[in-house]
């Protein structure tokens, strides 16, 4: 049973077929025609967040495994069903809850000396604890995926407004309020093998300011420019997380802020990053993290053969000003010219797409490789100038301005 039917699950399904002979794959996704549907043997139109329905379907199908990769919020569903049906899984239900609920996560970070921003938890309309924090602040739902409901605020009035909004996004009606940390946002991809965390790749995340309260990630730069000592600190943090959560075999995604030698962990999860991150990791290191994720389900030790070449890479995400998406043009020519290495489309033709509010509004992404930072910069600018995102009437709706900041 594969939970969720996005592009990353297409890659997961292909990996499962390569690893297991005569495997039958049943896809669970609430959409009528998710993009991964043609790659599965059957599709059950069920929400991945409907715990009881997923459990009952998995029991009825007599499944041998239930898995989600590159997705955060369905992790507890996967772990719950696996635990109830005694199926293999690299996470217990309690571990999955601790990894997807930011309130629990913050508590565990503080108890295990994992550096993070000062924060408070708001469950109702009592805002007294905010007085102990220093503005600007970040408000976020305690249990919501991606950037949905995440806002930066400058005043107590803004804070209360967005706390109430974040609580609406939260299934537990809980918001986290934390001090804003200045610095570079870094995404860390690691894999825990026999209890030891190995850093695979680090990316600097560049964000586009949609408005005063909302920013979305539009680009990652690999590797980031960091002090040598920071790399050692991050590896230590990854191993602290592995120990604190008792993770033996697991992918690990960490988001953090670096300011000189100062590090603050934003959040982390026992999963692979979305947006074709598995592909970027493989291109950069030669390590097949999708196969390793499948092996982790059965507690199988993997070979950590990392062959990281000294090169620069960038994954650039494509957003629109809004409209009915038709197609993306220009990518084939850019690949033939050796400007971009690969292209991934994330929505189907005919889909209504919105001006960016979060990562779910992306229509595609491109991967670019170079030998130097300057060459990487030049290739990105050329690619962005020559890509068009067309709507149903042939108009270019690509939000190119985010790359012109």
Protein backbone atom coordinates (compact mmCIF):
# COMPACT_ATOMS: atom_id res chain seq x y z
CA UNK A 1 0.00 0.00 0.00
CA UNK A 2 1.50 3.33 -1.11
CA UNK A 3 0.16 6.46 0.60
CA UNK A 4 -0.23 9.59 -1.59
CA UNK A 5 -0.15 9.80 -5.36
CA UNK A 6 2.28 12.60 -6.22
CA UNK A 7 5.36 12.59 -8.44
CA UNK A 8 7.65 11.39 -5.65
CA UNK A 9 5.42 8.36 -5.19
CA UNK A 10 5.87 7.49 -8.88
CA UNK A 11 9.57 7.10 -8.15
CA UNK A 12 8.77 5.07 -5.02
CA UNK A 13 6.49 2.73 -6.99
CA UNK A 14 9.22 2.20 -9.60
CA UNK A 15 11.74 1.44 -6.84
CA UNK A 16 9.37 -1.06 -5.23
CA UNK A 17 8.92 -2.86 -8.54
CA UNK A 18 12.69 -3.04 -9.03
CA UNK A 19 13.23 -4.38 -5.52
CA UNK A 20 10.39 -6.93 -5.30
CA UNK A 21 9.31 -9.41 -7.98
CA UNK A 22 5.59 -9.72 -8.76
CA UNK A 23 4.69 -6.98 -6.30
CA UNK A 24 1.12 -5.67 -6.39
CA UNK A 25 0.93 -1.97 -5.57
CA UNK A 26 -2.26 -0.33 -4.37
CA UNK A 27 -2.27 3.46 -4.26
CA UNK A 28 -4.24 5.39 -1.64
CA UNK A 29 -5.05 9.01 -2.50
CA UNK A 30 -8.16 11.16 -2.07
CA UNK A 31 -7.95 12.55 -5.64
CA UNK A 32 -9.84 10.88 -8.47
CA UNK A 33 -6.84 10.83 -10.79
CA UNK A 34 -3.56 11.39 -8.92
CA UNK A 35 -0.48 11.49 -11.17
CA UNK A 36 0.87 8.22 -9.70
CA UNK A 37 -2.35 6.31 -10.46
CA UNK A 38 -1.22 4.86 -13.85
CA UNK A 39 1.89 3.39 -12.17
CA UNK A 40 -0.03 1.45 -9.52
CA UNK A 41 -2.02 -1.75 -10.03
CA UNK A 42 -5.08 -0.27 -8.34
CA UNK A 43 -6.16 3.02 -6.77
CA UNK A 44 -8.35 3.46 -3.71
CA UNK A 45 -9.87 6.93 -3.48
CA UNK A 46 -9.31 7.42 0.23
CA UNK A 47 -7.66 10.29 2.08
CA UNK A 48 -4.20 9.39 3.34
CA UNK A 49 -5.18 11.16 6.59
CA UNK A 50 -8.28 9.00 7.18
CA UNK A 51 -6.66 6.67 9.69
CA UNK A 52 -9.58 4.26 10.11
CA UNK A 53 -10.27 3.95 6.37
CA UNK A 54 -6.58 3.35 5.58
CA UNK A 55 -6.37 0.73 8.34
CA UNK A 56 -9.48 -1.08 7.12
CA UNK A 57 -8.36 -1.04 3.47
CA UNK A 58 -4.89 -2.32 4.35
CA UNK A 59 -6.44 -5.12 6.42
CA UNK A 60 -8.91 -6.05 3.66
CA UNK A 61 -6.15 -6.15 1.03
CA UNK A 62 -3.98 -8.30 3.30
CA UNK A 63 -1.03 -6.03 2.53
CA UNK A 64 2.54 -6.93 3.43
CA UNK A 65 3.72 -3.32 3.70
CA UNK A 66 2.34 0.21 3.87
CA UNK A 67 4.69 3.05 3.00
CA UNK A 68 4.89 6.80 2.41
CA UNK A 69 8.07 8.55 1.34
CA UNK A 70 8.79 12.27 0.84
CA UNK A 71 5.65 13.12 2.81
CA UNK A 72 5.32 14.29 6.41
CA UNK A 73 1.78 14.23 7.79
CA UNK A 74 0.84 10.67 6.61
CA UNK A 75 3.83 9.24 8.57
CA UNK A 76 1.72 8.62 11.72
CA UNK A 77 -0.97 6.92 9.57
CA UNK A 78 1.68 4.61 8.08
CA UNK A 79 3.13 3.82 11.50
CA UNK A 80 -0.31 3.37 13.14
CA UNK A 81 -1.54 0.93 10.49
CA UNK A 82 1.75 -0.99 10.49
CA UNK A 83 1.64 -1.28 14.28
CA UNK A 84 -1.99 -2.41 14.35
CA UNK A 85 -1.46 -5.06 11.65
CA UNK A 86 2.04 -6.11 12.76
CA UNK A 87 3.59 -4.99 9.45
CA UNK A 88 7.25 -3.93 9.08
CA UNK A 89 7.96 -0.23 9.63
CA UNK A 90 10.97 1.86 10.60
CA UNK A 91 8.87 4.04 12.93
CA UNK A 92 6.61 3.23 15.84
CA UNK A 93 3.35 5.16 16.07
CA UNK A 94 4.66 7.16 19.02
CA UNK A 95 7.90 8.01 17.17
CA UNK A 96 5.87 9.20 14.17
CA UNK A 97 3.70 11.42 16.36
CA UNK A 98 6.78 12.93 18.01
CA UNK A 99 8.27 13.65 14.59
CA UNK A 100 5.22 15.33 13.05
CA UNK A 101 3.86 17.34 15.98
CA UNK A 102 5.91 20.51 16.46
CA UNK A 103 4.87 20.86 20.10
CA UNK A 104 6.27 17.43 20.94
CA UNK A 105 9.30 18.09 18.74
CA UNK A 106 10.17 21.35 20.50
CA UNK A 107 9.87 19.66 23.89
CA UNK A 108 12.21 16.85 22.85
CA UNK A 109 14.71 19.33 21.39
CA UNK A 110 14.88 21.30 24.64
CA UNK A 111 15.26 18.14 26.76
CA UNK A 112 18.08 16.80 24.55
CA UNK A 113 20.08 20.04 24.14
CA UNK A 114 19.26 20.33 20.43
CA UNK A 115 19.59 24.08 19.68
CA UNK A 116 16.33 25.77 18.69
CA UNK A 117 14.61 29.14 18.94
CA UNK A 118 12.88 30.21 22.15
CA UNK A 119 9.17 29.46 21.81
CA UNK A 120 5.79 29.02 23.42
CA UNK A 121 2.74 26.84 22.69
CA UNK A 122 -0.74 28.38 22.31
CA UNK A 123 -3.67 25.96 22.62
CA UNK A 124 -6.52 28.39 23.31
CA UNK A 125 -6.87 32.19 23.52
CA UNK A 126 -4.38 32.70 26.36
CA UNK A 127 -1.56 34.77 24.87
CA UNK A 128 0.30 35.64 28.10
CA UNK A 129 3.39 33.54 27.24
CA UNK A 130 4.08 35.66 24.15
CA UNK A 131 5.34 38.43 26.46
CA UNK A 132 8.47 36.35 27.17
CA UNK A 133 9.44 36.33 23.46
CA UNK A 134 11.24 38.98 21.42
CA UNK A 135 9.74 40.24 18.13
CA UNK A 136 9.81 39.50 15.23
CA UNK A 137 8.16 36.11 15.75
CA UNK A 138 7.21 33.13 13.62
CA UNK A 139 3.73 31.64 14.05
CA UNK A 140 3.00 28.12 12.76
CA UNK A 141 0.46 25.30 13.23
CA UNK A 142 1.70 22.55 15.56
CA UNK A 143 0.82 19.74 13.15
CA UNK A 144 0.58 20.91 9.56
CA UNK A 145 2.71 20.03 6.54
CA UNK A 146 4.90 22.43 4.56
CA UNK A 147 4.60 26.21 4.90
CA UNK A 148 0.80 26.29 5.27
CA UNK A 149 -0.17 28.63 8.09
CA UNK A 150 3.40 29.78 8.77
CA UNK A 151 3.68 33.56 9.21
CA UNK A 152 6.26 36.10 10.36
CA UNK A 153 4.77 38.78 12.61
CA UNK A 154 6.04 42.10 13.95
CA UNK A 155 3.34 43.12 16.45
CA UNK A 156 1.17 41.49 19.10
CA UNK A 157 -1.93 42.28 17.00
CA UNK A 158 -0.50 40.44 14.00
CA UNK A 159 0.61 37.63 16.25
CA UNK A 160 -2.86 37.02 17.67
CA UNK A 161 -4.44 37.21 14.21
CA UNK A 162 -2.10 34.56 12.75
CA UNK A 163 -2.20 32.38 15.85
CA UNK A 164 -5.93 32.05 15.31
CA UNK A 165 -5.32 31.23 11.63
CA UNK A 166 -2.62 28.68 12.49
CA UNK A 167 -4.96 27.04 15.00
CA UNK A 168 -7.52 26.59 12.21
CA UNK A 169 -4.92 24.71 10.14
CA UNK A 170 -3.97 22.54 13.12
CA UNK A 171 -5.87 19.31 13.81
CA UNK A 172 -5.21 19.83 17.54
CA UNK A 173 -6.03 23.56 17.38
CA UNK A 174 -2.51 24.35 18.58
CA UNK A 175 -0.05 26.99 17.40
CA UNK A 176 3.69 27.36 17.99
CA UNK A 177 5.11 30.87 18.40
CA UNK A 178 8.90 31.19 18.25
CA UNK A 179 11.49 33.94 17.98
CA UNK A 180 12.65 34.71 14.44
CA UNK A 181 16.27 33.78 13.84
CA UNK A 182 18.37 35.80 11.39
CA UNK A 183 20.63 33.82 9.07
CA UNK A 184 20.74 31.40 6.15
CA UNK A 185 18.10 28.66 6.02
CA UNK A 186 19.71 25.27 5.44
CA UNK A 187 18.08 21.96 4.56
CA UNK A 188 20.05 18.90 5.69
CA UNK A 189 19.47 15.47 4.17
CA UNK A 190 20.86 12.55 6.16
CA UNK A 191 20.37 8.82 6.55
CA UNK A 192 20.49 6.91 9.81
CA UNK A 193 22.10 3.51 9.36
CA UNK A 194 22.37 1.20 12.38
CA UNK A 195 21.79 4.19 14.67
CA UNK A 196 24.45 6.47 13.13
CA UNK A 197 23.48 9.53 11.09
CA UNK A 198 25.46 10.32 7.94
CA UNK A 199 25.03 13.70 6.26
CA UNK A 200 24.33 13.23 2.55
CA UNK A 201 23.70 16.76 1.34
CA UNK A 202 23.15 20.31 2.58
CA UNK A 203 21.22 22.95 0.65
CA UNK A 204 20.78 26.68 1.12
CA UNK A 205 17.09 27.51 0.73
CA UNK A 206 16.25 30.79 -0.99
CA UNK A 207 12.78 32.21 -0.37
CA UNK A 208 10.43 34.52 -2.25
CA UNK A 209 8.50 37.09 -0.24
CA UNK A 210 4.87 36.78 -1.28
CA UNK A 211 3.78 39.43 1.22
CA UNK A 212 4.77 40.71 4.66
CA UNK A 213 3.65 37.45 6.27
CA UNK A 214 4.34 34.74 3.68
CA UNK A 215 7.50 33.39 2.06
CA UNK A 216 7.94 30.31 -0.15
CA UNK A 217 11.05 28.34 -1.07
CA UNK A 218 11.79 28.84 -4.75
CA UNK A 219 15.37 27.56 -5.00
CA UNK A 220 18.02 25.44 -3.30
CA UNK A 221 21.78 25.95 -3.75
CA UNK A 222 24.16 23.02 -3.13
CA UNK A 223 26.50 23.19 -1.31
CA UNK A 224 25.88 26.20 0.97
CA UNK A 225 28.78 28.42 1.98
CA UNK A 226 29.32 27.58 5.66
CA UNK A 227 32.16 27.64 8.15
CA UNK A 228 33.97 24.28 8.52
CA UNK A 229 33.01 24.00 12.18
CA UNK A 230 29.33 24.37 11.31
CA UNK A 231 29.39 21.12 9.31
CA UNK A 232 30.69 19.26 12.37
CA UNK A 233 28.01 20.84 14.58
CA UNK A 234 25.27 19.82 12.15
CA UNK A 235 26.50 16.22 12.06
CA UNK A 236 26.47 16.21 15.87
CA UNK A 237 22.89 17.55 15.86
CA UNK A 238 21.78 14.82 13.41
CA UNK A 239 23.17 12.15 15.73
CA UNK A 240 21.53 13.78 18.76
CA UNK A 241 18.19 13.55 16.94
CA UNK A 242 18.82 9.88 16.07
CA UNK A 243 19.56 9.12 19.72
CA UNK A 244 16.72 11.23 21.15
CA UNK A 245 14.16 9.47 18.93
CA UNK A 246 15.83 6.05 19.05
CA UNK A 247 15.98 5.91 15.24
CA UNK A 248 17.92 2.89 13.94
CA UNK A 249 17.27 2.96 10.19
CA UNK A 250 15.64 6.05 8.75
CA UNK A 251 15.96 8.99 6.36
CA UNK A 252 16.32 12.28 8.22
CA UNK A 253 15.43 15.77 6.97
CA UNK A 254 16.49 18.74 9.13
CA UNK A 255 15.64 22.40 8.59
CA UNK A 256 17.83 24.91 10.42
CA UNK A 257 19.08 28.49 10.48
CA UNK A 258 22.82 29.25 10.42
CA UNK A 259 24.21 32.65 11.38
CA UNK A 260 28.01 32.48 11.44
CA UNK A 261 28.73 29.69 13.94
CA UNK A 262 25.29 29.89 15.55
CA UNK A 263 22.76 27.15 14.65
CA UNK A 264 19.05 26.93 15.47
CA UNK A 265 17.01 23.90 14.40
CA UNK A 266 13.59 24.81 12.99
CA UNK A 267 12.21 21.28 12.65
CA UNK A 268 13.03 17.81 11.35
CA UNK A 269 11.34 14.66 10.12
CA UNK A 270 12.15 11.01 9.48
CA UNK A 271 11.54 11.27 5.76
CA UNK A 272 13.01 12.26 2.42
CA UNK A 273 12.38 15.84 1.32
CA UNK A 274 9.71 16.38 -1.34
CA UNK A 275 10.00 18.05 -4.72
CA UNK A 276 12.18 15.32 -6.29
CA UNK A 277 14.75 15.67 -3.49
CA UNK A 278 15.58 11.96 -3.82
CA UNK A 279 16.77 12.68 -7.37
CA UNK A 280 18.97 15.60 -6.28
CA UNK A 281 20.56 13.49 -3.53
CA UNK A 282 21.32 10.70 -6.00
CA UNK A 283 22.79 13.13 -8.52
CA UNK A 284 24.99 14.73 -5.87
CA UNK A 285 26.15 11.67 -3.91
CA UNK A 286 25.36 8.52 -5.91
CA UNK A 287 23.32 7.33 -2.89
CA UNK A 288 19.88 5.87 -3.67
CA UNK A 289 17.92 7.15 -0.69
CA UNK A 290 14.60 5.79 -2.02
CA UNK A 291 15.95 2.23 -1.96
CA UNK A 292 17.47 2.91 1.47
CA UNK A 293 14.06 4.14 2.70
CA UNK A 294 12.44 0.88 1.54
CA UNK A 295 15.22 -1.13 3.24
CA UNK A 296 14.65 0.87 6.43
CA UNK A 297 11.08 -0.47 6.54
CA UNK A 298 12.48 -3.94 7.24
CA UNK A 299 15.43 -2.73 9.40
CA UNK A 300 17.94 -3.66 6.72
CA UNK A 301 21.42 -2.16 6.96
CA UNK A 302 22.49 -0.38 3.78
CA UNK A 303 25.85 0.41 2.20
CA UNK A 304 26.68 4.07 2.83
CA UNK A 305 28.83 4.46 -0.27
CA UNK A 306 28.84 8.24 -0.68
CA UNK A 307 30.77 9.61 -3.65
CA UNK A 308 30.23 13.34 -3.39
CA UNK A 309 31.98 15.17 -6.20
CA UNK A 310 33.11 18.79 -5.81
CA UNK A 311 30.35 20.40 -7.86
CA UNK A 312 27.58 22.97 -7.56
CA UNK A 313 23.92 22.23 -8.06
CA UNK A 314 20.60 24.03 -7.82
CA UNK A 315 17.00 22.89 -7.88
CA UNK A 316 14.80 25.75 -9.07
CA UNK A 317 11.05 25.53 -8.51
CA UNK A 318 8.55 26.99 -10.95
CA UNK A 319 5.54 28.96 -9.71
CA UNK A 320 2.87 30.96 -11.54
CA UNK A 321 0.93 34.19 -11.19
CA UNK A 322 -2.19 31.97 -11.25
CA UNK A 323 -4.39 30.48 -13.95
CA UNK A 324 -5.32 27.20 -15.62
CA UNK A 325 -2.06 25.35 -16.24
CA UNK A 326 -1.45 23.84 -19.68
CA UNK A 327 2.25 23.08 -20.14
CA UNK A 328 5.86 24.11 -19.56
CA UNK A 329 7.94 24.80 -22.67
CA UNK A 330 11.65 25.36 -23.24
CA UNK A 331 13.00 22.61 -21.01
CA UNK A 332 13.83 20.14 -23.81
CA UNK A 333 15.97 22.74 -25.57
CA UNK A 334 17.72 23.67 -22.30
CA UNK A 335 18.54 20.00 -21.65
CA UNK A 336 19.96 19.63 -25.19
CA UNK A 337 22.09 22.74 -24.62
CA UNK A 338 23.42 21.26 -21.35
CA UNK A 339 22.00 24.20 -19.38
CA UNK A 340 19.68 22.11 -17.21
CA UNK A 341 20.21 18.49 -16.25
CA UNK A 342 16.61 17.41 -15.72
CA UNK A 343 13.04 18.67 -15.44
CA UNK A 344 10.10 17.50 -13.32
CA UNK A 345 6.48 18.59 -13.86
CA UNK A 346 4.33 18.40 -10.73
CA UNK A 347 0.79 19.21 -11.92
CA UNK A 348 -1.34 17.94 -14.78
CA UNK A 349 -2.57 19.96 -17.74
CA UNK A 350 -5.92 21.59 -16.98
CA UNK A 351 -5.18 22.09 -13.28
CA UNK A 352 -6.07 25.47 -11.82
CA UNK A 353 -2.94 26.82 -10.14
CA UNK A 354 -2.63 29.68 -7.68
CA UNK A 355 -0.20 32.48 -6.98
CA UNK A 356 2.26 30.92 -4.49
CA UNK A 357 1.15 30.47 -0.91
CA UNK A 358 3.16 27.30 -0.26
CA UNK A 359 5.14 24.49 -1.89
CA UNK A 360 1.94 22.81 -3.15
CA UNK A 361 1.56 25.66 -5.67
CA UNK A 362 4.66 24.63 -7.66
CA UNK A 363 4.06 23.42 -11.21
CA UNK A 364 7.53 21.95 -11.76
CA UNK A 365 11.24 22.16 -11.04
CA UNK A 366 14.55 22.05 -12.88
CA UNK A 367 17.91 20.68 -11.75
CA UNK A 368 21.06 22.53 -12.82
CA UNK A 369 24.69 21.41 -12.39
CA UNK A 370 27.88 23.46 -12.70
CA UNK A 371 31.56 23.40 -11.81
CA UNK A 372 31.66 26.82 -10.12
CA UNK A 373 29.18 29.13 -8.32
CA UNK A 374 29.48 31.68 -11.15
CA UNK A 375 28.72 29.08 -13.82
CA UNK A 376 25.75 27.93 -11.76
CA UNK A 377 24.44 31.51 -11.48
CA UNK A 378 24.78 32.07 -15.23
CA UNK A 379 23.01 28.81 -16.10
CA UNK A 380 20.13 29.60 -13.73
CA UNK A 381 19.60 33.06 -15.24
CA UNK A 382 19.69 31.69 -18.80
CA UNK A 383 17.27 28.85 -17.95
CA UNK A 384 14.77 31.09 -16.18
CA UNK A 385 14.79 33.49 -19.14
CA UNK A 386 14.03 30.69 -21.60
CA UNK A 387 11.33 28.75 -19.77
CA UNK A 388 7.65 29.53 -20.26
CA UNK A 389 4.72 28.26 -18.23
CA UNK A 390 1.66 28.47 -20.45
CA UNK A 391 -1.97 28.64 -19.41
CA UNK A 392 -4.90 27.23 -21.37
CA UNK A 393 -4.97 30.27 -23.68
CA UNK A 394 -1.21 30.25 -24.40
CA UNK A 395 -0.26 33.10 -22.04
CA UNK A 396 3.01 32.86 -20.12
CA UNK A 397 2.05 32.77 -16.41
CA UNK A 398 5.53 31.92 -15.05
CA UNK A 399 6.28 33.97 -11.92
CA UNK A 400 9.76 34.82 -13.22
CA UNK A 401 10.12 37.83 -10.93
CA UNK A 402 11.01 35.66 -7.92
CA UNK A 403 14.38 34.99 -9.61
CA UNK A 404 14.94 38.70 -10.20
CA UNK A 405 15.01 39.76 -6.54
